[in-house]
Amino acid sequence: MSDDNSSFRDMNLIEKVIAVTAIIFLIVFSISFALGIVYFGFAGIFSLLGVKYDSFYSLLIFVLIYYIVGIITDLG
């Protein structure tokens, strides 16, 4: 590890843009990965149980409503 302890204020504009872009990319990738696992997990469970749904969009709406109801019940 380097002994360079430069702060964000000491970076030039290009380094700041690269740092912020990398952090945003990591956050978006991790959230997308987690939601993708849940989405395809529901698709797999529904396939094993024989549950039929009209489209992948309807499954997405179900997963989103499932999350919203889960958040509301956890807060209550």
C-alpha atoms as a PDB file:
ATOM      1  CA  MET A   1       0.000   0.000   0.000  1.00  0.00           C
ATOM      2  CA  SER A   2       1.239   3.447  -0.837  1.00  0.00           C
ATOM      3  CA  ASP A   3       2.035   6.143   1.705  1.00  0.00           C
ATOM      4  CA  ASP A   4       0.209   8.691  -0.479  1.00  0.00           C
ATOM      5  CA  ASN A   5      -2.683   9.937   1.670  1.00  0.00           C
ATOM      6  CA  SER A   6      -4.129  12.447  -0.781  1.00  0.00           C
ATOM      7  CA  SER A   7      -7.671  13.474  -0.088  1.00  0.00           C
ATOM      8  CA  PHE A   8     -10.474  14.038  -2.549  1.00  0.00           C
ATOM      9  CA  ARG A   9      -9.864  17.804  -2.353  1.00  0.00           C
ATOM     10  CA  ASP A  10      -6.294  17.380  -3.576  1.00  0.00           C
ATOM     11  CA  MET A  11      -7.313  15.494  -6.739  1.00  0.00           C
ATOM     12  CA  ASN A  12      -7.574  17.199 -10.095  1.00  0.00           C
ATOM     13  CA  LEU A  13     -10.837  17.210 -12.074  1.00  0.00           C
ATOM     14  CA  ILE A  14     -10.118  14.070 -14.105  1.00  0.00           C
ATOM     15  CA  GLU A  15      -9.229  12.051 -11.002  1.00  0.00           C
ATOM     16  CA  LYS A  16     -12.403  13.233  -9.265  1.00  0.00           C
ATOM     17  CA  VAL A  17     -14.558  12.262 -12.247  1.00  0.00           C
ATOM     18  CA  ILE A  18     -12.920   8.831 -12.418  1.00  0.00           C
ATOM     19  CA  ALA A  19     -13.352   8.255  -8.667  1.00  0.00           C
ATOM     20  CA  VAL A  20     -17.015   9.306  -8.615  1.00  0.00           C
ATOM     21  CA  THR A  21     -17.784   7.325 -11.781  1.00  0.00           C
ATOM     22  CA  ALA A  22     -16.153   4.200 -10.346  1.00  0.00           C
ATOM     23  CA  ILE A  23     -18.110   4.481  -7.091  1.00  0.00           C
ATOM     24  CA  ILE A  24     -21.407   5.025  -8.939  1.00  0.00           C
ATOM     25  CA  PHE A  25     -20.650   2.057 -11.220  1.00  0.00           C
ATOM     26  CA  LEU A  26     -19.930  -0.199  -8.233  1.00  0.00           C
ATOM     27  CA  ILE A  27     -23.154   0.829  -6.495  1.00  0.00           C
ATOM     28  CA  VAL A  28     -25.289   0.362  -9.629  1.00  0.00           C
ATOM     29  CA  PHE A  29     -23.637  -2.975 -10.438  1.00  0.00           C
ATOM     30  CA  SER A  30     -24.095  -4.371  -6.931  1.00  0.00           C
ATOM     31  CA  ILE A  31     -27.757  -3.308  -6.715  1.00  0.00           C
ATOM     32  CA  SER A  32     -28.452  -4.666 -10.216  1.00  0.00           C
ATOM     33  CA  PHE A  33     -26.733  -7.942  -9.378  1.00  0.00           C
ATOM     34  CA  ALA A  34     -28.730  -8.407  -6.175  1.00  0.00           C
ATOM     35  CA  LEU A  35     -32.044  -7.549  -7.852  1.00  0.00           C
ATOM     36  CA  GLY A  36     -31.187  -9.822 -10.778  1.00  0.00           C
ATOM     37  CA  ILE A  37     -30.577 -12.731  -8.433  1.00  0.00           C
ATOM     38  CA  VAL A  38     -33.939 -12.150  -6.744  1.00  0.00           C
ATOM     39  CA  TYR A  39     -35.745 -11.724 -10.087  1.00  0.00           C
ATOM     40  CA  PHE A  40     -34.345 -14.894 -11.631  1.00  0.00           C
ATOM     41  CA  GLY A  41     -34.743 -16.688  -8.309  1.00  0.00           C
ATOM     42  CA  PHE A  42     -38.468 -15.976  -8.402  1.00  0.00           C
ATOM     43  CA  ALA A  43     -38.563 -17.059 -12.057  1.00  0.00           C
ATOM     44  CA  GLY A  44     -36.862 -20.338 -11.143  1.00  0.00           C
ATOM     45  CA  ILE A  45     -39.091 -21.021  -8.149  1.00  0.00           C
ATOM     46  CA  PHE A  46     -42.202 -20.250 -10.191  1.00  0.00           C
ATOM     47  CA  SER A  47     -40.961 -22.564 -12.934  1.00  0.00           C
ATOM     48  CA  LEU A  48     -40.388 -25.393 -10.454  1.00  0.00           C
ATOM     49  CA  LEU A  49     -43.800 -24.885  -8.874  1.00  0.00           C
ATOM     50  CA  GLY A  50     -45.579 -24.619 -12.218  1.00  0.00           C
ATOM     51  CA  VAL A  51     -46.747 -21.032 -11.714  1.00  0.00           C
ATOM     52  CA  LYS A  52     -47.528 -19.334 -15.029  1.00  0.00           C
ATOM     53  CA  TYR A  53     -47.114 -15.620 -15.664  1.00  0.00           C
ATOM     54  CA  ASP A  54     -47.889 -13.638 -18.811  1.00  0.00           C
ATOM     55  CA  SER A  55     -44.529 -11.990 -19.396  1.00  0.00           C
ATOM     56  CA  PHE A  56     -41.249 -11.157 -17.755  1.00  0.00           C
ATOM     57  CA  TYR A  57     -42.636  -7.650 -17.228  1.00  0.00           C
ATOM     58  CA  SER A  58     -45.490  -9.017 -15.112  1.00  0.00           C
ATOM     59  CA  LEU A  59     -42.939 -10.958 -13.060  1.00  0.00           C
ATOM     60  CA  LEU A  60     -40.954  -7.732 -12.604  1.00  0.00           C
ATOM     61  CA  ILE A  61     -44.076  -5.930 -11.363  1.00  0.00           C
ATOM     62  CA  PHE A  62     -44.715  -8.790  -8.923  1.00  0.00           C
ATOM     63  CA  VAL A  63     -41.168  -8.619  -7.568  1.00  0.00           C
ATOM     64  CA  LEU A  64     -41.362  -4.822  -7.160  1.00  0.00           C
ATOM     65  CA  ILE A  65     -44.722  -5.035  -5.360  1.00  0.00           C
ATOM     66  CA  TYR A  66     -43.293  -7.827  -3.203  1.00  0.00           C
ATOM     67  CA  TYR A  67     -40.413  -5.546  -2.189  1.00  0.00           C
ATOM     68  CA  ILE A  68     -42.700  -2.566  -1.505  1.00  0.00           C
ATOM     69  CA  VAL A  69     -45.051  -4.633   0.666  1.00  0.00           C
ATOM     70  CA  GLY A  70     -42.066  -6.172   2.445  1.00  0.00           C
ATOM     71  CA  ILE A  71     -40.564  -2.769   3.222  1.00  0.00           C
ATOM     72  CA  ILE A  72     -43.902  -1.437   4.493  1.00  0.00           C
ATOM     73  CA  THR A  73     -44.471  -4.450   6.747  1.00  0.00           C
ATOM     74  CA  ASP A  74     -40.908  -4.299   8.092  1.00  0.00           C
ATOM     75  CA  LEU A  75     -41.314  -0.643   9.016  1.00  0.00           C
ATOM     76  CA  GLY A  76     -44.711  -1.199  10.641  1.00  0.00           C
END
